[in-house]
Amino acid sequence: MEFLIFIIAMGALIWGADKIVEQSEKIAIHLNISEFVIGATLVALGTSLPEMAASMAASANHHPEIAISNVIGSNILNITLVLAVIFLIVKELNPDRDFFAKDSIWALMPIMIFLLMSIDGVISRFDAALLLLLMVSYVMFLLKDAKGLGSEEVDELAREEFSWFSSIAWIMIGFVLVAGGAHFAVDSASGIARGFGVSEWVIGIVMISFGTSLPELVVSVSAAMKNKVEMAIGNIIGSNLANTTVVLGAASLVRPMEFTMSNYAFDISTMVVATLMLVFIAANRLYSKPAGISLVIVLGLFLNNTLQSVA
């Protein structure tokens, strides 16, 4: 029964997040906000809603390990699964944007700050405020660096029907589904962990993080297949930054979260290595199948270590 509740809850959570992203994008386009800003902020934040809802619910219900492992697992999967799939299925990737020069610092900075905050074994409300401030600085950077929509795209989008009432109604429905889905997903996941004698960390870093990473997978692959490579890669960078700042920050505001960093050294190290690989790929513009295979190898090591800890 717990498995059924978990699947239904994850479905509601992901579908609700998709509706929020879809309608938020329509509003942004209606207000003539650039596609680059939409992809790097709205879509990235929107696809991180499942992680935020799940981690906040976990923190509120005294399950800090689920909240933190969800963030770490999602960051790992966004790079080693989502980015790897893009590299493996898209024939040619030639983004114009220099991700190394403009965005690599935003991939690394939140991870470095998270490591510093974790040394004392607690992510406090003060830490949460600093993490949220980092997200604000990222949005300021994107707004300054944004490029406008092309005239043809504006004309095409302008012809689409738009309704404030419909968009706001769907956003409200989406938020209800995300909040409800997150509550039941975390509750059922905790029940599954207890039933199998598996730690909540493992449940969070595998089951919940995989489920909450599905929006990034769907959005990024869809964007890449439509030759919107910058949006696809930007979504992954933005989503990981949002996970580490907004998701972790929001969960810590609900309740300060204690955990022992040394107990999860492999998972944290995997997140750092995956992020460094992303920076290296961007620096050398290695947007290719070999790079995708390299990321899949890291994913395999991560999953193997997790399964061994369960056995």
Protein backbone atom coordinates (compact mmCIF):
# COMPACT_ATOMS: atom_id res chain seq x y z
CA MET A 1 0.00 0.00 0.00
CA GLU A 2 2.88 2.36 0.84
CA PHE A 3 4.35 1.82 -2.65
CA LEU A 4 1.02 2.68 -4.30
CA ILE A 5 0.67 5.86 -2.23
CA PHE A 6 4.27 6.80 -3.08
CA ILE A 7 3.72 6.35 -6.83
CA ILE A 8 0.45 8.31 -6.84
CA ALA A 9 1.97 11.07 -4.69
CA MET A 10 5.03 11.39 -6.94
CA GLY A 11 2.75 11.51 -9.99
CA ALA A 12 0.67 14.31 -8.47
CA LEU A 13 3.82 16.17 -7.41
CA ILE A 14 5.43 16.00 -10.87
CA TRP A 15 2.21 16.77 -12.79
CA GLY A 16 1.49 19.73 -10.51
CA ALA A 17 5.02 21.09 -11.00
CA ASP A 18 4.65 20.70 -14.77
CA LYS A 19 1.46 22.80 -14.74
CA ILE A 20 3.13 25.51 -12.67
CA VAL A 21 6.08 25.65 -15.08
CA GLU A 22 3.82 25.63 -18.14
CA GLN A 23 1.55 28.45 -16.93
CA SER A 24 4.39 30.52 -15.44
CA GLU A 25 6.14 30.37 -18.79
CA LYS A 26 2.98 31.58 -20.53
CA ILE A 27 2.71 34.53 -18.15
CA ALA A 28 6.40 35.42 -18.63
CA ILE A 29 6.02 35.26 -22.41
CA HIS A 30 2.84 37.34 -22.26
CA LEU A 31 4.78 39.98 -20.33
CA ASN A 32 7.56 39.75 -22.96
CA ILE A 33 10.26 38.45 -20.61
CA SER A 34 13.18 36.95 -22.57
CA GLU A 35 13.37 33.21 -23.26
CA PHE A 36 16.84 33.03 -21.73
CA VAL A 37 15.55 34.39 -18.41
CA ILE A 38 12.54 32.05 -18.62
CA GLY A 39 14.74 29.01 -19.14
CA ALA A 40 17.38 29.86 -16.55
CA THR A 41 15.05 31.07 -13.80
CA LEU A 42 11.38 30.20 -14.25
CA VAL A 43 11.90 26.76 -15.77
CA ALA A 44 14.84 25.94 -13.49
CA LEU A 45 12.95 27.03 -10.37
CA GLY A 46 9.77 25.39 -11.60
CA THR A 47 11.39 22.02 -12.20
CA SER A 48 12.91 22.28 -8.70
CA LEU A 49 9.47 22.65 -7.11
CA PRO A 50 9.14 18.89 -6.45
CA GLU A 51 12.48 18.88 -4.63
CA MET A 52 11.49 21.95 -2.62
CA ALA A 53 8.07 20.57 -1.66
CA ALA A 54 9.49 17.16 -0.73
CA SER A 55 12.39 18.59 1.30
CA MET A 56 10.20 21.13 3.14
CA ALA A 57 7.71 18.39 4.01
CA ALA A 58 10.54 16.12 5.18
CA SER A 59 12.04 18.88 7.34
CA ALA A 60 8.67 19.76 8.85
CA ASN A 61 8.07 16.08 9.70
CA HIS A 62 11.47 15.71 11.44
CA HIS A 63 13.16 13.81 8.59
CA PRO A 64 16.22 16.01 7.86
CA GLU A 65 18.12 13.15 6.22
CA ILE A 66 15.41 12.79 3.56
CA ALA A 67 15.45 16.54 2.94
CA ILE A 68 19.23 16.82 2.54
CA SER A 69 19.70 13.55 0.65
CA ASN A 70 16.96 14.61 -1.77
CA VAL A 71 18.98 17.72 -2.68
CA ILE A 72 22.27 15.82 -3.00
CA GLY A 73 20.70 12.99 -5.00
CA SER A 74 18.87 15.39 -7.33
CA ASN A 75 22.07 17.34 -8.02
CA ILE A 76 23.89 14.11 -8.86
CA LEU A 77 21.09 12.80 -11.10
CA ASN A 78 20.64 16.12 -12.93
CA ILE A 79 24.24 15.87 -14.14
CA THR A 80 24.92 12.13 -14.42
CA LEU A 81 21.47 11.14 -15.72
CA VAL A 82 19.75 14.16 -17.30
CA LEU A 83 22.83 15.73 -18.90
CA ALA A 84 24.15 12.29 -19.91
CA VAL A 85 20.86 11.43 -21.66
CA ILE A 86 21.00 14.72 -23.59
CA PHE A 87 24.57 14.01 -24.74
CA LEU A 88 23.70 10.45 -25.73
CA ILE A 89 20.47 11.03 -27.69
CA VAL A 90 21.02 14.41 -29.37
CA LYS A 91 23.17 14.09 -32.50
CA GLU A 92 24.81 17.52 -32.44
CA LEU A 93 25.13 20.02 -29.61
CA ASN A 94 26.70 23.38 -30.43
CA PRO A 95 25.44 25.97 -27.95
CA ASP A 96 26.47 29.57 -28.65
CA ARG A 97 26.64 30.44 -24.96
CA ASP A 98 29.99 30.03 -23.20
CA PHE A 99 28.78 28.13 -20.14
CA PHE A 100 32.28 27.88 -18.68
CA ALA A 101 32.92 31.63 -18.70
CA LYS A 102 29.43 32.68 -17.63
CA ASP A 103 27.89 29.85 -15.61
CA SER A 104 30.53 27.49 -14.17
CA ILE A 105 30.97 29.62 -11.05
CA TRP A 106 27.23 29.33 -10.41
CA ALA A 107 27.49 25.53 -10.62
CA LEU A 108 30.39 25.39 -8.14
CA MET A 109 29.68 28.23 -5.69
CA PRO A 110 26.56 26.76 -3.99
CA ILE A 111 28.30 23.38 -3.56
CA MET A 112 31.33 25.02 -1.92
CA ILE A 113 29.10 27.07 0.40
CA PHE A 114 27.05 23.96 1.28
CA LEU A 115 30.25 22.11 2.25
CA LEU A 116 31.31 24.97 4.53
CA MET A 117 27.88 25.12 6.16
CA SER A 118 27.86 21.35 6.73
CA ILE A 119 31.08 21.19 8.73
CA ASP A 120 29.33 22.09 12.01
CA GLY A 121 26.66 19.42 11.39
CA VAL A 122 23.65 21.72 11.05
CA ILE A 123 22.05 23.84 8.34
CA SER A 124 20.60 26.68 10.44
CA ARG A 125 18.04 29.36 9.62
CA PHE A 126 20.91 31.84 9.27
CA ASP A 127 22.52 29.48 6.75
CA ALA A 128 19.17 29.26 4.97
CA ALA A 129 18.98 33.06 4.63
CA LEU A 130 22.47 33.12 3.10
CA LEU A 131 21.55 30.37 0.62
CA LEU A 132 18.44 32.26 -0.47
CA LEU A 133 20.53 35.43 -0.85
CA LEU A 134 22.82 33.51 -3.22
CA MET A 135 19.83 32.62 -5.40
CA VAL A 136 18.82 36.29 -5.48
CA SER A 137 22.33 37.20 -6.70
CA TYR A 138 22.05 34.56 -9.44
CA VAL A 139 18.75 36.01 -10.65
CA MET A 140 20.31 39.50 -10.68
CA PHE A 141 23.19 38.13 -12.77
CA LEU A 142 20.79 36.51 -15.25
CA LEU A 143 18.67 39.63 -15.63
CA LYS A 144 21.78 41.66 -16.41
CA ASP A 145 23.06 39.03 -18.84
CA ALA A 146 19.71 38.23 -20.49
CA LYS A 147 19.09 38.24 -24.21
CA GLY A 148 15.75 39.25 -25.72
CA LEU A 149 13.35 37.09 -27.68
CA GLY A 150 13.66 37.04 -31.44
CA SER A 151 10.98 38.98 -33.33
CA GLU A 152 9.66 35.88 -35.10
CA GLU A 153 9.28 34.06 -31.80
CA VAL A 154 7.48 37.00 -30.23
CA ASP A 155 5.06 37.20 -33.17
CA GLU A 156 4.36 33.47 -32.97
CA LEU A 157 3.82 33.55 -29.21
CA ALA A 158 1.70 36.69 -29.43
CA ARG A 159 -0.80 34.82 -31.58
CA GLU A 160 -1.41 32.28 -28.83
CA GLU A 161 -4.49 32.82 -26.69
CA PHE A 162 -3.76 33.89 -23.14
CA SER A 163 -6.05 34.04 -20.12
CA TRP A 164 -4.98 35.36 -16.74
CA PHE A 165 -7.83 33.53 -15.03
CA SER A 166 -6.94 30.18 -16.63
CA SER A 167 -3.21 30.52 -15.92
CA ILE A 168 -3.65 31.53 -12.28
CA ALA A 169 -6.24 28.78 -11.71
CA TRP A 170 -3.90 26.11 -13.08
CA ILE A 171 -1.01 27.48 -11.01
CA MET A 172 -3.14 27.22 -7.85
CA ILE A 173 -4.15 23.66 -8.72
CA GLY A 174 -0.49 22.87 -9.38
CA PHE A 175 0.58 24.19 -5.98
CA VAL A 176 -2.10 22.09 -4.22
CA LEU A 177 -0.92 18.95 -6.05
CA VAL A 178 2.75 19.71 -5.35
CA ALA A 179 2.16 20.33 -1.64
CA GLY A 180 -0.12 17.32 -1.19
CA GLY A 181 2.04 15.05 -3.30
CA ALA A 182 5.17 16.03 -1.38
CA HIS A 183 3.55 15.30 1.99
CA PHE A 184 2.35 11.84 1.02
CA ALA A 185 5.56 11.01 -0.92
CA VAL A 186 7.75 11.70 2.11
CA ASP A 187 5.36 9.98 4.53
CA SER A 188 5.08 6.83 2.39
CA ALA A 189 8.84 6.81 1.67
CA SER A 190 9.54 6.86 5.41
CA GLY A 191 7.13 3.93 5.81
CA ILE A 192 8.88 1.99 3.06
CA ALA A 193 12.26 2.66 4.70
CA ARG A 194 11.04 1.39 8.04
CA GLY A 195 9.41 -1.68 6.45
CA PHE A 196 12.59 -2.77 4.68
CA GLY A 197 14.99 -1.64 7.36
CA VAL A 198 16.54 0.83 4.91
CA SER A 199 17.81 4.21 6.10
CA GLU A 200 15.84 7.34 5.28
CA TRP A 201 19.00 8.70 3.61
CA VAL A 202 18.94 5.91 1.02
CA ILE A 203 15.21 6.37 0.37
CA GLY A 204 15.72 10.11 -0.09
CA ILE A 205 18.82 9.92 -2.25
CA VAL A 206 17.43 7.26 -4.61
CA MET A 207 13.61 7.03 -4.65
CA ILE A 208 12.63 10.63 -3.92
CA SER A 209 15.52 12.32 -5.73
CA PHE A 210 14.90 10.22 -8.85
CA GLY A 211 11.20 11.06 -8.83
CA THR A 212 11.77 14.77 -8.27
CA SER A 213 14.43 14.85 -11.03
CA LEU A 214 11.93 13.66 -13.64
CA PRO A 215 10.76 17.22 -14.47
CA GLU A 216 14.35 18.26 -15.23
CA LEU A 217 14.78 15.16 -17.38
CA VAL A 218 11.58 15.76 -19.37
CA VAL A 219 12.08 19.53 -19.78
CA SER A 220 15.79 19.37 -20.65
CA VAL A 221 15.53 16.49 -23.13
CA SER A 222 12.50 18.11 -24.77
CA ALA A 223 14.36 21.42 -25.08
CA ALA A 224 17.47 19.73 -26.49
CA MET A 225 15.43 17.80 -29.07
CA LYS A 226 13.99 21.14 -30.23
CA ASN A 227 17.52 22.52 -30.65
CA LYS A 228 17.15 24.70 -27.55
CA VAL A 229 20.47 23.44 -26.17
CA GLU A 230 21.17 26.53 -24.10
CA MET A 231 17.84 26.18 -22.33
CA ALA A 232 18.48 22.47 -21.71
CA ILE A 233 21.96 22.89 -20.20
CA GLY A 234 21.00 26.14 -18.49
CA ASN A 235 18.05 24.37 -16.87
CA ILE A 236 20.39 21.78 -15.34
CA ILE A 237 22.80 24.42 -13.98
CA GLY A 238 19.92 26.57 -12.74
CA SER A 239 18.09 23.61 -11.20
CA ASN A 240 21.16 22.44 -9.29
CA LEU A 241 21.74 25.95 -7.98
CA ALA A 242 18.06 26.20 -7.03
CA ASN A 243 18.26 22.82 -5.26
CA THR A 244 21.22 23.86 -3.14
CA THR A 245 19.97 27.38 -2.40
CA VAL A 246 16.16 27.60 -2.55
CA VAL A 247 15.30 23.95 -1.75
CA LEU A 248 17.83 23.51 1.06
CA GLY A 249 17.23 27.06 2.28
CA ALA A 250 13.43 26.67 2.39
CA ALA A 251 13.70 23.32 4.20
CA SER A 252 16.10 24.83 6.77
CA LEU A 253 13.79 27.79 7.35
CA VAL A 254 11.00 25.36 8.22
CA ARG A 255 13.28 23.62 10.73
CA PRO A 256 17.09 23.74 11.17
CA MET A 257 18.48 20.41 9.90
CA GLU A 258 21.16 18.41 11.66
CA PHE A 259 23.19 15.69 9.96
CA THR A 260 26.63 14.14 10.22
CA MET A 261 28.58 15.02 7.09
CA SER A 262 31.18 12.25 7.50
CA ASN A 263 28.47 9.54 7.39
CA TYR A 264 27.63 10.45 3.79
CA ALA A 265 31.09 11.28 2.46
CA PHE A 266 30.69 9.16 -0.70
CA ASP A 267 27.42 10.78 -1.79
CA ILE A 268 28.66 14.30 -1.09
CA SER A 269 31.93 13.54 -2.88
CA THR A 270 29.98 12.20 -5.87
CA MET A 271 28.02 15.46 -6.05
CA VAL A 272 31.27 17.46 -6.01
CA VAL A 273 32.92 15.23 -8.66
CA ALA A 274 29.84 15.39 -10.93
CA THR A 275 29.79 19.19 -10.66
CA LEU A 276 33.52 19.42 -11.47
CA MET A 277 32.94 17.16 -14.50
CA LEU A 278 30.17 19.52 -15.66
CA VAL A 279 32.58 22.47 -15.39
CA PHE A 280 35.32 20.54 -17.24
CA ILE A 281 32.89 19.56 -20.03
CA ALA A 282 31.77 23.18 -20.39
CA ALA A 283 35.37 24.47 -20.36
CA ASN A 284 36.36 22.15 -23.22
CA ARG A 285 32.96 22.16 -24.97
CA LEU A 286 32.83 18.36 -24.79
CA TYR A 287 29.12 18.14 -25.58
CA SER A 288 29.34 14.62 -26.98
CA LYS A 289 28.51 10.95 -26.47
CA PRO A 290 31.89 10.12 -24.83
CA ALA A 291 31.17 12.81 -22.24
CA GLY A 292 27.71 11.30 -21.72
CA ILE A 293 29.24 7.84 -21.18
CA SER A 294 31.68 9.30 -18.62
CA LEU A 295 28.77 10.77 -16.68
CA VAL A 296 26.89 7.45 -16.82
CA ILE A 297 29.96 5.74 -15.29
CA VAL A 298 29.76 8.12 -12.32
CA LEU A 299 26.01 7.38 -12.05
CA GLY A 300 26.80 3.64 -12.04
CA LEU A 301 29.33 4.05 -9.22
CA PHE A 302 26.84 6.12 -7.24
CA LEU A 303 24.01 3.59 -7.61
CA ASN A 304 26.33 0.64 -6.89
CA ASN A 305 27.51 2.24 -3.64
CA THR A 306 23.92 2.96 -2.63
CA LEU A 307 22.79 -0.61 -3.34
CA GLN A 308 25.74 -2.00 -1.38
CA SER A 309 24.76 0.11 1.61
CA VAL A 310 21.26 -1.42 1.45
CA ALA A 311 22.52 -5.00 1.22
